[in-house]
Protein backbone atom coordinates (compact mmCIF):
# COMPACT_ATOMS: atom_id res chain seq x y z
CA UNK A 1 0.00 0.00 0.00
CA UNK A 2 1.21 3.55 -0.74
CA UNK A 3 0.45 6.74 1.15
CA UNK A 4 0.30 10.14 -0.57
CA UNK A 5 1.00 13.40 1.23
CA UNK A 6 -1.24 16.07 -0.28
CA UNK A 7 0.88 19.11 0.67
CA UNK A 8 3.83 18.10 -1.49
CA UNK A 9 2.47 15.22 -3.62
CA UNK A 10 5.01 12.78 -2.23
CA UNK A 11 4.23 9.07 -2.02
CA UNK A 12 5.42 6.93 0.90
CA UNK A 13 5.65 3.18 1.32
CA UNK A 14 4.74 3.30 5.00
CA UNK A 15 2.38 5.38 7.09
CA UNK A 16 5.03 6.28 9.68
CA UNK A 17 7.00 8.37 7.14
CA UNK A 18 3.83 10.22 6.23
CA UNK A 19 3.01 10.78 9.90
CA UNK A 20 6.48 12.24 10.59
CA UNK A 21 6.27 14.69 7.67
CA UNK A 22 2.86 16.13 8.48
CA UNK A 23 3.77 18.07 11.67
CA UNK A 24 6.76 19.66 9.93
CA UNK A 25 4.71 20.95 7.00
CA UNK A 26 1.82 22.10 9.18
CA UNK A 27 4.08 23.38 11.98
CA UNK A 28 1.89 21.40 14.39
CA UNK A 29 3.84 21.36 17.62
CA UNK A 30 2.14 18.93 19.97
CA UNK A 31 5.07 18.11 22.28
CA UNK A 32 5.42 20.74 25.02
CA UNK A 33 8.21 21.20 27.56
CA UNK A 34 6.75 21.06 31.07
CA UNK A 35 9.36 23.51 32.35
CA UNK A 36 9.32 26.39 29.84
CA UNK A 37 6.32 25.60 27.56
CA UNK A 38 8.49 25.51 24.41
CA UNK A 39 6.78 23.38 21.73
CA UNK A 40 8.17 20.77 19.32
CA UNK A 41 6.91 18.79 16.31
CA UNK A 42 8.73 15.61 17.38
CA UNK A 43 9.09 13.93 20.78
CA UNK A 44 12.84 13.32 20.23
CA UNK A 45 13.48 17.04 19.85
CA UNK A 46 11.59 17.70 23.09
CA UNK A 47 13.70 15.08 24.90
CA UNK A 48 16.93 16.74 23.72
CA UNK A 49 15.55 20.14 24.76
CA UNK A 50 14.71 18.94 28.28
CA UNK A 51 18.42 18.34 28.86
CA UNK A 52 18.97 22.08 28.41
CA UNK A 53 17.25 22.66 31.72
CA UNK A 54 19.38 20.11 33.57
CA UNK A 55 22.92 20.19 32.17
CA UNK A 56 25.60 22.89 32.17
CA UNK A 57 25.75 25.00 29.02
CA UNK A 58 29.46 25.49 28.35
CA UNK A 59 29.42 26.41 24.62
CA UNK A 60 28.62 30.09 24.04
CA UNK A 61 27.69 31.81 20.77
CA UNK A 62 30.05 34.72 20.07
CA UNK A 63 27.29 36.56 18.20
CA UNK A 64 24.45 36.57 20.73
CA UNK A 65 25.83 34.93 23.90
CA UNK A 66 23.30 32.06 23.80
CA UNK A 67 24.72 28.99 25.55
CA UNK A 68 24.50 25.31 24.63
CA UNK A 69 25.24 21.93 26.16
CA UNK A 70 27.10 20.52 23.15
CA UNK A 71 29.39 21.92 20.49
CA UNK A 72 27.06 20.42 17.89
CA UNK A 73 24.13 22.45 19.24
CA UNK A 74 26.21 25.62 19.03
CA UNK A 75 27.15 24.81 15.44
CA UNK A 76 23.48 24.31 14.53
CA UNK A 77 22.58 27.56 16.28
CA UNK A 78 25.09 29.56 14.25
CA UNK A 79 23.05 28.66 11.15
CA UNK A 80 20.34 30.97 12.52
CA UNK A 81 22.73 33.91 12.24
CA UNK A 82 24.12 32.94 8.85
CA UNK A 83 20.83 31.74 7.31
CA UNK A 84 22.73 28.69 6.07
CA UNK A 85 20.41 25.79 5.20
CA UNK A 86 22.35 22.78 3.97
CA UNK A 87 19.95 19.96 4.84
CA UNK A 88 17.36 18.97 2.25
CA UNK A 89 14.25 16.93 3.05
CA UNK A 90 14.42 13.71 1.05
CA UNK A 91 10.65 13.75 0.68
CA UNK A 92 9.71 17.33 -0.21
CA UNK A 93 13.00 19.07 -1.08
CA UNK A 94 12.53 21.82 1.55
CA UNK A 95 15.78 23.21 2.98
CA UNK A 96 16.56 23.21 6.71
CA UNK A 97 19.34 24.65 8.86
CA UNK A 98 19.37 21.62 11.17
CA UNK A 99 19.61 17.95 10.25
CA UNK A 100 17.22 17.04 13.07
CA UNK A 101 14.38 18.93 11.40
CA UNK A 102 14.61 17.28 7.97
CA UNK A 103 13.23 13.82 7.32
CA UNK A 104 15.30 11.18 5.60
PDB file of N, CA and C in Angstrom:
ATOM      1  N   UNK A   1       0.836  -1.176   0.000  1.00  0.00           N
ATOM      2  CA  UNK A   1       0.000   0.000   0.000  1.00  0.00           C
ATOM      3  C   UNK A   1       0.888   1.249   0.000  1.00  0.00           C
ATOM      4  N   UNK A   2       0.466   2.297  -0.695  1.00  0.00           N
ATOM      5  CA  UNK A   2       1.207   3.549  -0.741  1.00  0.00           C
ATOM      6  C   UNK A   2       0.384   4.660  -0.096  1.00  0.00           C
ATOM      7  N   UNK A   3       1.100   5.624   0.481  1.00  0.00           N
ATOM      8  CA  UNK A   3       0.451   6.743   1.155  1.00  0.00           C
ATOM      9  C   UNK A   3       0.918   8.036   0.494  1.00  0.00           C
ATOM     10  N   UNK A   4      -0.028   8.881   0.101  1.00  0.00           N
ATOM     11  CA  UNK A   4       0.300  10.137  -0.570  1.00  0.00           C
ATOM     12  C   UNK A   4       0.117  11.288   0.407  1.00  0.00           C
ATOM     13  N   UNK A   5       1.095  12.211   0.390  1.00  0.00           N
ATOM     14  CA  UNK A   5       0.999  13.401   1.228  1.00  0.00           C
ATOM     15  C   UNK A   5       0.557  14.554   0.339  1.00  0.00           C
ATOM     16  N   UNK A   6      -0.618  15.081   0.601  1.00  0.00           N
ATOM     17  CA  UNK A   6      -1.242  16.070  -0.276  1.00  0.00           C
ATOM     18  C   UNK A   6      -0.470  17.382  -0.384  1.00  0.00           C
ATOM     19  N   UNK A   7       0.198  17.812   0.686  1.00  0.00           N
ATOM     20  CA  UNK A   7       0.881  19.109   0.668  1.00  0.00           C
ATOM     21  C   UNK A   7       2.041  19.187  -0.307  1.00  0.00           C
ATOM     22  N   UNK A   8       2.693  18.054  -0.572  1.00  0.00           N
ATOM     23  CA  UNK A   8       3.834  18.100  -1.491  1.00  0.00           C
ATOM     24  C   UNK A   8       3.798  16.974  -2.526  1.00  0.00           C
ATOM     25  N   UNK A   9       2.671  16.275  -2.626  1.00  0.00           N
ATOM     26  CA  UNK A   9       2.467  15.220  -3.622  1.00  0.00           C
ATOM     27  C   UNK A   9       3.497  14.099  -3.550  1.00  0.00           C
ATOM     28  N   UNK A  10       4.063  13.876  -2.393  1.00  0.00           N
ATOM     29  CA  UNK A  10       5.015  12.780  -2.229  1.00  0.00           C
ATOM     30  C   UNK A  10       4.256  11.504  -1.904  1.00  0.00           C
ATOM     31  N   UNK A  11       4.830  10.369  -2.292  1.00  0.00           N
ATOM     32  CA  UNK A  11       4.226   9.065  -2.016  1.00  0.00           C
ATOM     33  C   UNK A  11       5.181   8.280  -1.117  1.00  0.00           C
ATOM     34  N   UNK A  12       4.633   7.670  -0.073  1.00  0.00           N
ATOM     35  CA  UNK A  12       5.420   6.931   0.897  1.00  0.00           C
ATOM     36  C   UNK A  12       4.992   5.476   0.930  1.00  0.00           C
ATOM     37  N   UNK A  13       5.939   4.614   1.244  1.00  0.00           N
ATOM     38  CA  UNK A  13       5.649   3.181   1.318  1.00  0.00           C
ATOM     39  C   UNK A  13       5.065   2.792   2.675  1.00  0.00           C
ATOM     40  N   UNK A  14       5.305   3.624   3.683  1.00  0.00           N
ATOM     41  CA  UNK A  14       4.738   3.302   4.996  1.00  0.00           C
ATOM     42  C   UNK A  14       4.109   4.537   5.629  1.00  0.00           C
ATOM     43  N   UNK A  15       3.143   4.299   6.473  1.00  0.00           N
ATOM     44  CA  UNK A  15       2.380   5.376   7.094  1.00  0.00           C
ATOM     45  C   UNK A  15       3.212   6.183   8.077  1.00  0.00           C
ATOM     46  N   UNK A  16       4.221   5.564   8.688  1.00  0.00           N
ATOM     47  CA  UNK A  16       5.026   6.278   9.679  1.00  0.00           C
ATOM     48  C   UNK A  16       5.810   7.440   9.052  1.00  0.00           C
ATOM     49  N   UNK A  17       6.299   7.279   7.822  1.00  0.00           N
ATOM     50  CA  UNK A  17       6.998   8.375   7.141  1.00  0.00           C
ATOM     51  C   UNK A  17       6.046   9.528   6.873  1.00  0.00           C
ATOM     52  N   UNK A  18       4.850   9.206   6.480  1.00  0.00           N
ATOM     53  CA  UNK A  18       3.826  10.224   6.234  1.00  0.00           C
ATOM     54  C   UNK A  18       3.484  10.946   7.535  1.00  0.00           C
ATOM     55  N   UNK A  19       3.352  10.204   8.602  1.00  0.00           N
ATOM     56  CA  UNK A  19       3.013  10.776   9.905  1.00  0.00           C
ATOM     57  C   UNK A  19       4.103  11.715  10.398  1.00  0.00           C
ATOM     58  N   UNK A  20       5.362  11.387  10.159  1.00  0.00           N
ATOM     59  CA  UNK A  20       6.476  12.239  10.586  1.00  0.00           C
ATOM     60  C   UNK A  20       6.524  13.540   9.795  1.00  0.00           C
ATOM     61  N   UNK A  21       6.175  13.511   8.528  1.00  0.00           N
ATOM     62  CA  UNK A  21       6.267  14.688   7.666  1.00  0.00           C
ATOM     63  C   UNK A  21       5.179  15.700   7.970  1.00  0.00           C
ATOM     64  N   UNK A  22       4.000  15.255   8.282  1.00  0.00           N
ATOM     65  CA  UNK A  22       2.858  16.130   8.483  1.00  0.00           C
ATOM     66  C   UNK A  22       3.080  17.249   9.492  1.00  0.00           C
ATOM     67  N   UNK A  23       3.577  16.973  10.710  1.00  0.00           N
ATOM     68  CA  UNK A  23       3.766  18.068  11.668  1.00  0.00           C
ATOM     69  C   UNK A  23       4.769  19.116  11.196  1.00  0.00           C
ATOM     70  N   UNK A  24       5.752  18.715  10.415  1.00  0.00           N
ATOM     71  CA  UNK A  24       6.759  19.664   9.933  1.00  0.00           C
ATOM     72  C   UNK A  24       6.147  20.617   8.918  1.00  0.00           C
ATOM     73  N   UNK A  25       5.345  20.108   8.010  1.00  0.00           N
ATOM     74  CA  UNK A  25       4.711  20.950   6.997  1.00  0.00           C
ATOM     75  C   UNK A  25       3.616  21.826   7.590  1.00  0.00           C
ATOM     76  N   UNK A  26       2.925  21.341   8.582  1.00  0.00           N
ATOM     77  CA  UNK A  26       1.823  22.102   9.182  1.00  0.00           C
ATOM     78  C   UNK A  26       2.272  22.929  10.368  1.00  0.00           C
ATOM     79  N   UNK A  27       3.511  22.725  10.792  1.00  0.00           N
ATOM     80  CA  UNK A  27       4.078  23.380  11.975  1.00  0.00           C
ATOM     81  C   UNK A  27       3.263  23.040  13.223  1.00  0.00           C
ATOM     82  N   UNK A  28       2.670  21.864  13.230  1.00  0.00           N
ATOM     83  CA  UNK A  28       1.892  21.401  14.388  1.00  0.00           C
ATOM     84  C   UNK A  28       2.867  20.929  15.458  1.00  0.00           C
ATOM     85  N   UNK A  29       2.906  21.649  16.548  1.00  0.00           N
ATOM     86  CA  UNK A  29       3.842  21.359  17.621  1.00  0.00           C
ATOM     87  C   UNK A  29       3.069  20.834  18.821  1.00  0.00           C
ATOM     88  N   UNK A  30       2.966  19.518  18.920  1.00  0.00           N
ATOM     89  CA  UNK A  30       2.140  18.930  19.974  1.00  0.00           C
ATOM     90  C   UNK A  30       2.926  18.448  21.188  1.00  0.00           C
ATOM     91  N   UNK A  31       4.260  18.532  21.142  1.00  0.00           N
ATOM     92  CA  UNK A  31       5.072  18.113  22.279  1.00  0.00           C
ATOM     93  C   UNK A  31       5.559  19.362  23.008  1.00  0.00           C
ATOM     94  N   UNK A  32       5.172  19.509  24.268  1.00  0.00           N
ATOM     95  CA  UNK A  32       5.421  20.739  25.021  1.00  0.00           C
ATOM     96  C   UNK A  32       6.319  20.459  26.227  1.00  0.00           C
ATOM     97  N   UNK A  33       7.328  21.303  26.404  1.00  0.00           N
ATOM     98  CA  UNK A  33       8.215  21.204  27.563  1.00  0.00           C
ATOM     99  C   UNK A  33       7.434  21.613  28.814  1.00  0.00           C
ATOM    100  N   UNK A  34       7.455  20.776  29.825  1.00  0.00           N
ATOM    101  CA  UNK A  34       6.751  21.059  31.074  1.00  0.00           C
ATOM    102  C   UNK A  34       7.418  22.124  31.923  1.00  0.00           C
ATOM    103  N   UNK A  35       8.627  22.517  31.555  1.00  0.00           N
ATOM    104  CA  UNK A  35       9.359  23.508  32.349  1.00  0.00           C
ATOM    105  C   UNK A  35       9.196  24.919  31.767  1.00  0.00           C
ATOM    106  N   UNK A  36       9.343  25.051  30.445  1.00  0.00           N
ATOM    107  CA  UNK A  36       9.316  26.393  29.843  1.00  0.00           C
ATOM    108  C   UNK A  36       8.222  26.578  28.791  1.00  0.00           C
ATOM    109  N   UNK A  37       7.434  25.553  28.530  1.00  0.00           N
ATOM    110  CA  UNK A  37       6.323  25.595  27.559  1.00  0.00           C
ATOM    111  C   UNK A  37       6.762  25.710  26.097  1.00  0.00           C
ATOM    112  N   UNK A  38       8.047  25.513  25.798  1.00  0.00           N
ATOM    113  CA  UNK A  38       8.488  25.508  24.406  1.00  0.00           C
ATOM    114  C   UNK A  38       7.879  24.285  23.719  1.00  0.00           C
ATOM    115  N   UNK A  39       7.485  24.450  22.443  1.00  0.00           N
ATOM    116  CA  UNK A  39       6.785  23.384  21.727  1.00  0.00           C
ATOM    117  C   UNK A  39       7.638  22.797  20.604  1.00  0.00           C
ATOM    118  N   UNK A  40       7.395  21.498  20.320  1.00  0.00           N
ATOM    119  CA  UNK A  40       8.168  20.770  19.316  1.00  0.00           C
ATOM    120  C   UNK A  40       7.250  19.911  18.454  1.00  0.00           C
ATOM    121  N   UNK A  41       7.681  19.651  17.220  1.00  0.00           N
ATOM    122  CA  UNK A  41       6.915  18.789  16.314  1.00  0.00           C
ATOM    123  C   UNK A  41       7.207  17.318  16.556  1.00  0.00           C
ATOM    124  N   UNK A  42       8.356  17.003  17.157  1.00  0.00           N
ATOM    125  CA  UNK A  42       8.733  15.607  17.381  1.00  0.00           C
ATOM    126  C   UNK A  42       9.166  15.395  18.831  1.00  0.00           C
ATOM    127  N   UNK A  43       8.782  14.252  19.388  1.00  0.00           N
ATOM    128  CA  UNK A  43       9.095  13.934  20.784  1.00  0.00           C
ATOM    129  C   UNK A  43      10.612  13.907  21.023  1.00  0.00           C
ATOM    130  N   UNK A  44      11.380  13.388  20.073  1.00  0.00           N
ATOM    131  CA  UNK A  44      12.837  13.317  20.230  1.00  0.00           C
ATOM    132  C   UNK A  44      13.465  14.687  20.423  1.00  0.00           C
ATOM    133  N   UNK A  45      12.955  15.684  19.706  1.00  0.00           N
ATOM    134  CA  UNK A  45      13.477  17.044  19.851  1.00  0.00           C
ATOM    135  C   UNK A  45      13.143  17.606  21.231  1.00  0.00           C
ATOM    136  N   UNK A  46      11.964  17.277  21.737  1.00  0.00           N
ATOM    137  CA  UNK A  46      11.591  17.698  23.088  1.00  0.00           C
ATOM    138  C   UNK A  46      12.523  17.052  24.116  1.00  0.00           C
ATOM    139  N   UNK A  47      12.816  15.775  23.951  1.00  0.00           N
ATOM    140  CA  UNK A  47      13.695  15.080  24.896  1.00  0.00           C
ATOM    141  C   UNK A  47      15.088  15.703  24.933  1.00  0.00           C
ATOM    142  N   UNK A  48      15.613  16.070  23.770  1.00  0.00           N
ATOM    143  CA  UNK A  48      16.925  16.740  23.716  1.00  0.00           C
ATOM    144  C   UNK A  48      16.827  18.097  24.411  1.00  0.00           C
ATOM    145  N   UNK A  49      15.739  18.818  24.152  1.00  0.00           N
ATOM    146  CA  UNK A  49      15.550  20.141  24.758  1.00  0.00           C
ATOM    147  C   UNK A  49      15.501  20.069  26.282  1.00  0.00           C
ATOM    148  N   UNK A  50      14.845  19.060  26.824  1.00  0.00           N
ATOM    149  CA  UNK A  50      14.709  18.937  28.277  1.00  0.00           C
ATOM    150  C   UNK A  50      16.069  18.918  28.973  1.00  0.00           C
ATOM    151  N   UNK A  51      17.067  18.372  28.297  1.00  0.00           N
ATOM    152  CA  UNK A  51      18.420  18.341  28.864  1.00  0.00           C
ATOM    153  C   UNK A  51      18.966  19.752  29.080  1.00  0.00           C
ATOM    154  N   UNK A  52      18.477  20.704  28.288  1.00  0.00           N
ATOM    155  CA  UNK A  52      18.968  22.081  28.407  1.00  0.00           C
ATOM    156  C   UNK A  52      18.619  22.695  29.754  1.00  0.00           C
ATOM    157  N   UNK A  53      17.619  22.159  30.404  1.00  0.00           N
ATOM    158  CA  UNK A  53      17.250  22.664  31.722  1.00  0.00           C
ATOM    159  C   UNK A  53      18.064  22.013  32.840  1.00  0.00           C
ATOM    160  N   UNK A  54      18.726  20.898  32.527  1.00  0.00           N
ATOM    161  CA  UNK A  54      19.382  20.113  33.566  1.00  0.00           C
ATOM    162  C   UNK A  54      20.901  20.117  33.507  1.00  0.00           C
ATOM    163  N   UNK A  55      21.474  20.293  32.319  1.00  0.00           N
ATOM    164  CA  UNK A  55      22.923  20.189  32.168  1.00  0.00           C
ATOM    165  C   UNK A  55      23.570  21.560  31.985  1.00  0.00           C
ATOM    166  N   UNK A  56      24.859  21.640  32.305  1.00  0.00           N
ATOM    167  CA  UNK A  56      25.604  22.889  32.169  1.00  0.00           C
ATOM    168  C   UNK A  56      25.784  23.238  30.688  1.00  0.00           C
ATOM    169  N   UNK A  57      25.593  24.509  30.386  1.00  0.00           N
ATOM    170  CA  UNK A  57      25.755  24.998  29.015  1.00  0.00           C
ATOM    171  C   UNK A  57      27.118  25.678  28.917  1.00  0.00           C
ATOM    172  N   UNK A  58      28.093  24.965  28.365  1.00  0.00           N
ATOM    173  CA  UNK A  58      29.458  25.485  28.350  1.00  0.00           C
ATOM    174  C   UNK A  58      29.913  26.028  26.996  1.00  0.00           C
ATOM    175  N   UNK A  59      29.077  25.901  25.947  1.00  0.00           N
ATOM    176  CA  UNK A  59      29.425  26.413  24.617  1.00  0.00           C
ATOM    177  C   UNK A  59      28.606  27.661  24.341  1.00  0.00           C
ATOM    178  N   UNK A  60      29.290  28.804  24.190  1.00  0.00           N
ATOM    179  CA  UNK A  60      28.618  30.090  24.039  1.00  0.00           C
ATOM    180  C   UNK A  60      28.784  30.659  22.634  1.00  0.00           C
ATOM    181  N   UNK A  61      27.673  31.168  22.087  1.00  0.00           N
ATOM    182  CA  UNK A  61      27.692  31.813  20.773  1.00  0.00           C
ATOM    183  C   UNK A  61      28.364  33.173  20.905  1.00  0.00           C
ATOM    184  N   UNK A  62      29.329  33.447  20.043  1.00  0.00           N
ATOM    185  CA  UNK A  62      30.049  34.718  20.070  1.00  0.00           C
ATOM    186  C   UNK A  62      29.207  35.862  19.522  1.00  0.00           C
ATOM    187  N   UNK A  63      28.116  35.531  18.820  1.00  0.00           N
ATOM    188  CA  UNK A  63      27.293  36.562  18.198  1.00  0.00           C
ATOM    189  C   UNK A  63      26.151  37.054  19.089  1.00  0.00           C
ATOM    190  N   UNK A  64      25.602  36.164  19.913  1.00  0.00           N
ATOM    191  CA  UNK A  64      24.452  36.573  20.729  1.00  0.00           C
ATOM    192  C   UNK A  64      24.526  36.103  22.179  1.00  0.00           C
ATOM    193  N   UNK A  65      25.588  35.414  22.548  1.00  0.00           N
ATOM    194  CA  UNK A  65      25.828  34.931  23.901  1.00  0.00           C
ATOM    195  C   UNK A  65      24.871  33.829  24.365  1.00  0.00           C
ATOM    196  N   UNK A  66      24.107  33.232  23.449  1.00  0.00           N
ATOM    197  CA  UNK A  66      23.300  32.062  23.803  1.00  0.00           C
ATOM    198  C   UNK A  66      24.260  30.936  24.167  1.00  0.00           C
ATOM    199  N   UNK A  67      23.848  30.075  25.090  1.00  0.00           N
ATOM    200  CA  UNK A  67      24.715  28.990  25.546  1.00  0.00           C
ATOM    201  C   UNK A  67      24.076  27.639  25.250  1.00  0.00           C
ATOM    202  N   UNK A  68      24.949  26.632  25.029  1.00  0.00           N
ATOM    203  CA  UNK A  68      24.496  25.305  24.630  1.00  0.00           C
ATOM    204  C   UNK A  68      25.262  24.224  25.374  1.00  0.00           C
ATOM    205  N   UNK A  69      24.641  23.062  25.465  1.00  0.00           N
ATOM    206  CA  UNK A  69      25.242  21.925  26.158  1.00  0.00           C
ATOM    207  C   UNK A  69      26.347  21.298  25.322  1.00  0.00           C
ATOM    208  N   UNK A  70      26.125  21.183  24.017  1.00  0.00           N
ATOM    209  CA  UNK A  70      27.104  20.521  23.149  1.00  0.00           C
ATOM    210  C   UNK A  70      27.627  21.473  22.073  1.00  0.00           C
ATOM    211  N   UNK A  71      28.795  21.158  21.581  1.00  0.00           N
ATOM    212  CA  UNK A  71      29.390  21.923  20.492  1.00  0.00           C
ATOM    213  C   UNK A  71      28.527  21.815  19.231  1.00  0.00           C
ATOM    214  N   UNK A  72      27.933  20.653  19.034  1.00  0.00           N
ATOM    215  CA  UNK A  72      27.056  20.417  17.894  1.00  0.00           C
ATOM    216  C   UNK A  72      25.832  21.344  17.926  1.00  0.00           C
ATOM    217  N   UNK A  73      25.266  21.540  19.114  1.00  0.00           N
ATOM    218  CA  UNK A  73      24.127  22.448  19.242  1.00  0.00           C
ATOM    219  C   UNK A  73      24.526  23.880  18.908  1.00  0.00           C
ATOM    220  N   UNK A  74      25.714  24.284  19.342  1.00  0.00           N
ATOM    221  CA  UNK A  74      26.211  25.624  19.025  1.00  0.00           C
ATOM    222  C   UNK A  74      26.371  25.777  17.520  1.00  0.00           C
ATOM    223  N   UNK A  75      26.948  24.772  16.882  1.00  0.00           N
ATOM    224  CA  UNK A  75      27.154  24.805  15.437  1.00  0.00           C
ATOM    225  C   UNK A  75      25.811  24.943  14.703  1.00  0.00           C
ATOM    226  N   UNK A  76      24.811  24.193  15.129  1.00  0.00           N
ATOM    227  CA  UNK A  76      23.482  24.307  14.528  1.00  0.00           C
ATOM    228  C   UNK A  76      22.880  25.689  14.766  1.00  0.00           C
ATOM    229  N   UNK A  77      23.093  26.235  15.943  1.00  0.00           N
ATOM    230  CA  UNK A  77      22.581  27.556  16.284  1.00  0.00           C
ATOM    231  C   UNK A  77      23.161  28.640  15.382  1.00  0.00           C
ATOM    232  N   UNK A  78      24.431  28.542  15.078  1.00  0.00           N
ATOM    233  CA  UNK A  78      25.093  29.557  14.248  1.00  0.00           C
ATOM    234  C   UNK A  78      24.409  29.684  12.887  1.00  0.00           C
ATOM    235  N   UNK A  79      23.790  28.600  12.415  1.00  0.00           N
ATOM    236  CA  UNK A  79      23.050  28.659  11.152  1.00  0.00           C
ATOM    237  C   UNK A  79      21.913  29.676  11.195  1.00  0.00           C
ATOM    238  N   UNK A  80      21.392  29.951  12.380  1.00  0.00           N
ATOM    239  CA  UNK A  80      20.340  30.972  12.516  1.00  0.00           C
ATOM    240  C   UNK A  80      20.896  32.331  12.122  1.00  0.00           C
ATOM    241  N   UNK A  81      22.112  32.616  12.543  1.00  0.00           N
ATOM    242  CA  UNK A  81      22.730  33.913  12.243  1.00  0.00           C
ATOM    243  C   UNK A  81      23.151  34.018  10.779  1.00  0.00           C
ATOM    244  N   UNK A  82      23.618  32.914  10.217  1.00  0.00           N
ATOM    245  CA  UNK A  82      24.122  32.942   8.849  1.00  0.00           C
ATOM    246  C   UNK A  82      23.025  32.700   7.819  1.00  0.00           C
ATOM    247  N   UNK A  83      21.902  32.092   8.248  1.00  0.00           N
ATOM    248  CA  UNK A  83      20.832  31.744   7.314  1.00  0.00           C
ATOM    249  C   UNK A  83      21.171  30.526   6.478  1.00  0.00           C
ATOM    250  N   UNK A  84      22.254  29.849   6.820  1.00  0.00           N
ATOM    251  CA  UNK A  84      22.726  28.692   6.065  1.00  0.00           C
ATOM    252  C   UNK A  84      21.787  27.503   6.261  1.00  0.00           C
ATOM    253  N   UNK A  85      21.288  26.964   5.165  1.00  0.00           N
ATOM    254  CA  UNK A  85      20.406  25.789   5.202  1.00  0.00           C
ATOM    255  C   UNK A  85      20.967  24.748   4.256  1.00  0.00           C
ATOM    256  N   UNK A  86      21.684  23.761   4.817  1.00  0.00           N
ATOM    257  CA  UNK A  86      22.348  22.779   3.967  1.00  0.00           C
ATOM    258  C   UNK A  86      21.672  21.413   3.974  1.00  0.00           C
ATOM    259  N   UNK A  87      20.619  21.251   4.766  1.00  0.00           N
ATOM    260  CA  UNK A  87      19.949  19.960   4.844  1.00  0.00           C
ATOM    261  C   UNK A  87      18.655  19.988   4.044  1.00  0.00           C
ATOM    262  N   UNK A  88      18.516  19.031   3.140  1.00  0.00           N
ATOM    263  CA  UNK A  88      17.360  18.968   2.247  1.00  0.00           C
ATOM    264  C   UNK A  88      16.491  17.773   2.619  1.00  0.00           C
ATOM    265  N   UNK A  89      15.182  18.015   2.760  1.00  0.00           N
ATOM    266  CA  UNK A  89      14.249  16.933   3.050  1.00  0.00           C
ATOM    267  C   UNK A  89      14.206  15.989   1.852  1.00  0.00           C
ATOM    268  N   UNK A  90      14.432  14.711   2.115  1.00  0.00           N
ATOM    269  CA  UNK A  90      14.425  13.713   1.048  1.00  0.00           C
ATOM    270  C   UNK A  90      13.039  13.516   0.448  1.00  0.00           C
ATOM    271  N   UNK A  91      12.015  13.951   1.154  1.00  0.00           N
ATOM    272  CA  UNK A  91      10.651  13.745   0.681  1.00  0.00           C
ATOM    273  C   UNK A  91      10.081  14.938  -0.083  1.00  0.00           C
ATOM    274  N   UNK A  92      10.341  16.166   0.419  1.00  0.00           N
ATOM    275  CA  UNK A  92       9.707  17.325  -0.212  1.00  0.00           C
ATOM    276  C   UNK A  92      10.700  18.320  -0.806  1.00  0.00           C
ATOM    277  N   UNK A  93      11.999  18.179  -0.516  1.00  0.00           N
ATOM    278  CA  UNK A  93      13.004  19.071  -1.078  1.00  0.00           C
ATOM    279  C   UNK A  93      13.181  20.370  -0.313  1.00  0.00           C
ATOM    280  N   UNK A  94      12.417  20.597   0.755  1.00  0.00           N
ATOM    281  CA  UNK A  94      12.535  21.819   1.547  1.00  0.00           C
ATOM    282  C   UNK A  94      13.890  21.850   2.242  1.00  0.00           C
ATOM    283  N   UNK A  95      14.470  23.035   2.358  1.00  0.00           N
ATOM    284  CA  UNK A  95      15.781  23.214   2.979  1.00  0.00           C
ATOM    285  C   UNK A  95      15.630  23.536   4.465  1.00  0.00           C
ATOM    286  N   UNK A  96      16.561  22.978   5.285  1.00  0.00           N
ATOM    287  CA  UNK A  96      16.562  23.211   6.714  1.00  0.00           C
ATOM    288  C   UNK A  96      17.968  23.543   7.194  1.00  0.00           C
ATOM    289  N   UNK A  97      18.058  24.303   8.266  1.00  0.00           N
ATOM    290  CA  UNK A  97      19.342  24.651   8.855  1.00  0.00           C
ATOM    291  C   UNK A  97      19.862  23.592   9.805  1.00  0.00           C
ATOM    292  N   UNK A  98      18.972  22.678  10.251  1.00  0.00           N
ATOM    293  CA  UNK A  98      19.371  21.622  11.171  1.00  0.00           C
ATOM    294  C   UNK A  98      18.984  20.267  10.614  1.00  0.00           C
ATOM    295  N   UNK A  99      19.866  19.313  10.736  1.00  0.00           N
ATOM    296  CA  UNK A  99      19.608  17.952  10.254  1.00  0.00           C
ATOM    297  C   UNK A  99      18.438  17.322  10.998  1.00  0.00           C
ATOM    298  N   UNK A 100      18.279  17.650  12.260  1.00  0.00           N
ATOM    299  CA  UNK A 100      17.223  17.041  13.071  1.00  0.00           C
ATOM    300  C   UNK A 100      15.825  17.422  12.610  1.00  0.00           C
ATOM    301  N   UNK A 101      15.705  18.486  11.853  1.00  0.00           N
ATOM    302  CA  UNK A 101      14.384  18.933  11.396  1.00  0.00           C
ATOM    303  C   UNK A 101      13.975  18.225  10.117  1.00  0.00           C
ATOM    304  N   UNK A 102      14.939  17.940   9.241  1.00  0.00           N
ATOM    305  CA  UNK A 102      14.615  17.284   7.966  1.00  0.00           C
ATOM    306  C   UNK A 102      14.301  15.810   8.181  1.00  0.00           C
ATOM    307  N   UNK A 103      13.561  15.255   7.270  1.00  0.00           N
ATOM    308  CA  UNK A 103      13.229  13.821   7.322  1.00  0.00           C
ATOM    309  C   UNK A 103      14.018  13.101   6.239  1.00  0.00           C
ATOM    310  N   UNK A 104      14.612  11.967   6.612  1.00  0.00           N
ATOM    311  CA  UNK A 104      15.302  11.178   5.600  1.00  0.00           C
ATOM    312  C   UNK A 104      14.668   9.827   5.473  1.00  0.00           C
TER     313      UNK A 104
END
